[in-house]
Amino acid sequence: MNKVAKVLEMEPMQVFEVASFYTMFNRQKVGRHHIQFCATTPCMIRGAYDCMQAIKDYANIELGETSADGLFTLEEVECLGACCNAPMMQVNNEWVYEDLTPESTVALLESWKRGEEPHRGP
């Protein structure tokens, strides 16, 4: 961030403010599957916290942590824009998975662990 600040001729704090506010900027290394789980009201009401708990239990991690095998990092984020298909998560800032349950969430993790790419979307 200091190098970016120097190149842009800005104060380092200005770069830090942007990098720490937006969830698409990672300030530490994340796992191969960076899971950003929405927990705003529609997702929360429809079971987001149960799904996140399933991830924590499966990968033996807490929010902001990466699994020991380096496969999974879990973060709670604000609205990802799929309220009608809540709860949902975004993986690696690209893939979205909707209409999740704790069971379907764990099934996704198991697929990734086997090296498979599961169906994306709703």
C-alpha atoms as a PDB file:
ATOM      1  CA  MET A   1       0.000   0.000   0.000  1.00  0.00           C
ATOM      2  CA  ASN A   2       2.900   2.345   0.677  1.00  0.00           C
ATOM      3  CA  LYS A   3       4.214   1.780  -2.850  1.00  0.00           C
ATOM      4  CA  VAL A   4       0.756   2.466  -4.315  1.00  0.00           C
ATOM      5  CA  ALA A   5       0.547   5.668  -2.261  1.00  0.00           C
ATOM      6  CA  LYS A   6       3.946   6.783  -3.528  1.00  0.00           C
ATOM      7  CA  VAL A   7       3.092   6.059  -7.175  1.00  0.00           C
ATOM      8  CA  LEU A   8      -0.234   7.871  -6.871  1.00  0.00           C
ATOM      9  CA  GLU A   9       1.328  10.692  -4.881  1.00  0.00           C
ATOM     10  CA  MET A  10      -1.100  10.194  -2.001  1.00  0.00           C
ATOM     11  CA  GLU A  11      -0.780   9.783   1.728  1.00  0.00           C
ATOM     12  CA  PRO A  12      -0.466   6.109   2.766  1.00  0.00           C
ATOM     13  CA  MET A  13      -3.493   6.528   5.037  1.00  0.00           C
ATOM     14  CA  GLN A  14      -5.667   7.396   2.040  1.00  0.00           C
ATOM     15  CA  VAL A  15      -4.737   4.119   0.349  1.00  0.00           C
ATOM     16  CA  PHE A  16      -5.279   2.203   3.602  1.00  0.00           C
ATOM     17  CA  GLU A  17      -8.740   3.739   4.008  1.00  0.00           C
ATOM     18  CA  VAL A  18      -9.799   2.443   0.596  1.00  0.00           C
ATOM     19  CA  ALA A  19      -8.146  -0.967   1.030  1.00  0.00           C
ATOM     20  CA  SER A  20      -9.721  -1.517   4.451  1.00  0.00           C
ATOM     21  CA  PHE A  21     -13.225  -0.383   3.414  1.00  0.00           C
ATOM     22  CA  TYR A  22     -13.878  -2.420   0.268  1.00  0.00           C
ATOM     23  CA  THR A  23     -14.157  -6.205   0.615  1.00  0.00           C
ATOM     24  CA  MET A  24     -12.633  -6.863  -2.810  1.00  0.00           C
ATOM     25  CA  PHE A  25      -9.230  -5.724  -1.532  1.00  0.00           C
ATOM     26  CA  ASN A  26      -7.469  -8.361   0.572  1.00  0.00           C
ATOM     27  CA  ARG A  27      -4.823  -7.139   2.958  1.00  0.00           C
ATOM     28  CA  GLN A  28      -3.693 -10.645   3.822  1.00  0.00           C
ATOM     29  CA  LYS A  29      -3.370 -13.895   1.897  1.00  0.00           C
ATOM     30  CA  VAL A  30      -6.649 -15.770   1.377  1.00  0.00           C
ATOM     31  CA  GLY A  31      -7.351 -19.418   0.645  1.00  0.00           C
ATOM     32  CA  ARG A  32      -7.808 -20.937  -2.783  1.00  0.00           C
ATOM     33  CA  HIS A  33     -11.564 -20.533  -2.294  1.00  0.00           C
ATOM     34  CA  HIS A  34     -12.203 -17.110  -0.789  1.00  0.00           C
ATOM     35  CA  ILE A  35     -15.776 -17.360   0.489  1.00  0.00           C
ATOM     36  CA  GLN A  36     -17.633 -14.105   1.037  1.00  0.00           C
ATOM     37  CA  PHE A  37     -20.956 -14.893   2.676  1.00  0.00           C
ATOM     38  CA  CYS A  38     -23.730 -12.304   2.668  1.00  0.00           C
ATOM     39  CA  ALA A  39     -25.321 -11.710   6.062  1.00  0.00           C
ATOM     40  CA  THR A  40     -27.563  -8.706   5.446  1.00  0.00           C
ATOM     41  CA  THR A  41     -31.210  -8.971   6.434  1.00  0.00           C
ATOM     42  CA  PRO A  42     -32.675 -11.177   3.646  1.00  0.00           C
ATOM     43  CA  CYS A  43     -29.788 -13.640   3.826  1.00  0.00           C
ATOM     44  CA  MET A  44     -29.737 -13.557   7.622  1.00  0.00           C
ATOM     45  CA  ILE A  45     -33.469 -14.302   7.841  1.00  0.00           C
ATOM     46  CA  ARG A  46     -33.117 -17.200   5.406  1.00  0.00           C
ATOM     47  CA  GLY A  47     -30.249 -18.930   7.236  1.00  0.00           C
ATOM     48  CA  ALA A  48     -26.932 -17.296   6.362  1.00  0.00           C
ATOM     49  CA  TYR A  49     -25.550 -17.737   9.867  1.00  0.00           C
ATOM     50  CA  ASP A  50     -26.407 -21.450   9.851  1.00  0.00           C
ATOM     51  CA  CYS A  51     -24.577 -21.818   6.523  1.00  0.00           C
ATOM     52  CA  MET A  52     -21.565 -19.886   7.815  1.00  0.00           C
ATOM     53  CA  GLN A  53     -21.507 -22.097  10.906  1.00  0.00           C
ATOM     54  CA  ALA A  54     -21.479 -25.146   8.630  1.00  0.00           C
ATOM     55  CA  ILE A  55     -18.424 -23.711   6.849  1.00  0.00           C
ATOM     56  CA  LYS A  56     -16.703 -22.967  10.157  1.00  0.00           C
ATOM     57  CA  ASP A  57     -17.346 -26.494  11.404  1.00  0.00           C
ATOM     58  CA  TYR A  58     -16.304 -28.172   8.147  1.00  0.00           C
ATOM     59  CA  ALA A  59     -13.114 -26.170   7.607  1.00  0.00           C
ATOM     60  CA  ASN A  60     -12.319 -25.676  11.320  1.00  0.00           C
ATOM     61  CA  ILE A  61     -12.036 -21.897  10.904  1.00  0.00           C
ATOM     62  CA  GLU A  62     -13.624 -18.706  12.180  1.00  0.00           C
ATOM     63  CA  LEU A  63     -14.516 -15.563  10.230  1.00  0.00           C
ATOM     64  CA  GLY A  64     -11.416 -14.056   8.645  1.00  0.00           C
ATOM     65  CA  GLU A  65      -9.398 -17.255   8.953  1.00  0.00           C
ATOM     66  CA  THR A  66      -8.006 -19.653   6.373  1.00  0.00           C
ATOM     67  CA  SER A  67      -8.210 -23.432   6.770  1.00  0.00           C
ATOM     68  CA  ALA A  68      -5.019 -25.319   7.616  1.00  0.00           C
ATOM     69  CA  ASP A  69      -4.937 -26.859   4.115  1.00  0.00           C
ATOM     70  CA  GLY A  70      -5.120 -23.375   2.548  1.00  0.00           C
ATOM     71  CA  LEU A  71      -8.335 -24.151   0.668  1.00  0.00           C
ATOM     72  CA  PHE A  72     -10.928 -21.978   2.387  1.00  0.00           C
ATOM     73  CA  THR A  73     -11.115 -18.452   3.784  1.00  0.00           C
ATOM     74  CA  LEU A  74     -14.447 -17.235   5.183  1.00  0.00           C
ATOM     75  CA  GLU A  75     -15.607 -13.630   5.397  1.00  0.00           C
ATOM     76  CA  GLU A  76     -18.942 -12.053   6.234  1.00  0.00           C
ATOM     77  CA  VAL A  77     -19.840  -9.290   3.781  1.00  0.00           C
ATOM     78  CA  GLU A  78     -22.652  -6.881   3.088  1.00  0.00           C
ATOM     79  CA  CYS A  79     -25.264  -7.318   0.372  1.00  0.00           C
ATOM     80  CA  LEU A  80     -24.139  -9.204  -2.714  1.00  0.00           C
ATOM     81  CA  GLY A  81     -27.302  -8.382  -4.640  1.00  0.00           C
ATOM     82  CA  ALA A  82     -29.237 -11.654  -4.794  1.00  0.00           C
ATOM     83  CA  CYS A  83     -31.823 -11.060  -2.086  1.00  0.00           C
ATOM     84  CA  CYS A  84     -34.534 -13.004  -3.925  1.00  0.00           C
ATOM     85  CA  ASN A  85     -32.350 -16.138  -3.786  1.00  0.00           C
ATOM     86  CA  ALA A  86     -31.005 -15.690  -0.269  1.00  0.00           C
ATOM     87  CA  PRO A  87     -28.853 -16.861   1.360  1.00  0.00           C
ATOM     88  CA  MET A  88     -25.952 -16.544  -1.007  1.00  0.00           C
ATOM     89  CA  MET A  89     -22.186 -16.414  -1.151  1.00  0.00           C
ATOM     90  CA  GLN A  90     -19.592 -15.229  -3.623  1.00  0.00           C
ATOM     91  CA  VAL A  91     -16.361 -17.138  -4.135  1.00  0.00           C
ATOM     92  CA  ASN A  92     -13.121 -15.593  -5.401  1.00  0.00           C
ATOM     93  CA  ASN A  93     -14.945 -12.343  -6.291  1.00  0.00           C
ATOM     94  CA  GLU A  94     -16.480 -14.140  -9.246  1.00  0.00           C
ATOM     95  CA  TRP A  95     -18.681 -17.173  -8.684  1.00  0.00           C
ATOM     96  CA  VAL A  96     -22.028 -16.912  -6.895  1.00  0.00           C
ATOM     97  CA  TYR A  97     -24.025 -19.632  -5.181  1.00  0.00           C
ATOM     98  CA  GLU A  98     -27.607 -18.971  -4.118  1.00  0.00           C
ATOM     99  CA  ASP A  99     -30.516 -20.640  -2.291  1.00  0.00           C
ATOM    100  CA  LEU A 100     -28.043 -22.203   0.119  1.00  0.00           C
ATOM    101  CA  THR A 101     -28.677 -24.470   3.079  1.00  0.00           C
ATOM    102  CA  PRO A 102     -26.056 -25.747   5.532  1.00  0.00           C
ATOM    103  CA  GLU A 103     -26.109 -29.067   3.666  1.00  0.00           C
ATOM    104  CA  SER A 104     -25.705 -27.582   0.189  1.00  0.00           C
ATOM    105  CA  THR A 105     -22.962 -25.288   1.479  1.00  0.00           C
ATOM    106  CA  VAL A 106     -20.970 -28.231   2.838  1.00  0.00           C
ATOM    107  CA  ALA A 107     -21.553 -30.099  -0.436  1.00  0.00           C
ATOM    108  CA  LEU A 108     -19.889 -27.176  -2.275  1.00  0.00           C
ATOM    109  CA  LEU A 109     -16.893 -27.307   0.073  1.00  0.00           C
ATOM    110  CA  GLU A 110     -16.585 -31.057  -0.428  1.00  0.00           C
ATOM    111  CA  SER A 111     -16.673 -30.596  -4.220  1.00  0.00           C
ATOM    112  CA  TRP A 112     -13.877 -28.040  -4.085  1.00  0.00           C
ATOM    113  CA  LYS A 113     -11.859 -30.261  -1.770  1.00  0.00           C
ATOM    114  CA  ARG A 114     -12.114 -33.059  -4.388  1.00  0.00           C
ATOM    115  CA  GLY A 115     -10.937 -30.576  -7.054  1.00  0.00           C
ATOM    116  CA  GLU A 116     -14.331 -30.343  -8.762  1.00  0.00           C
ATOM    117  CA  GLU A 117     -16.120 -27.199  -9.928  1.00  0.00           C
ATOM    118  CA  PRO A 118     -19.771 -27.315  -8.828  1.00  0.00           C
ATOM    119  CA  HIS A 119     -22.679 -25.670 -10.658  1.00  0.00           C
ATOM    120  CA  ARG A 120     -22.716 -21.890 -10.131  1.00  0.00           C
ATOM    121  CA  GLY A 121     -25.703 -19.619  -9.584  1.00  0.00           C
ATOM    122  CA  PRO A 122     -29.157 -20.330  -8.197  1.00  0.00           C
END
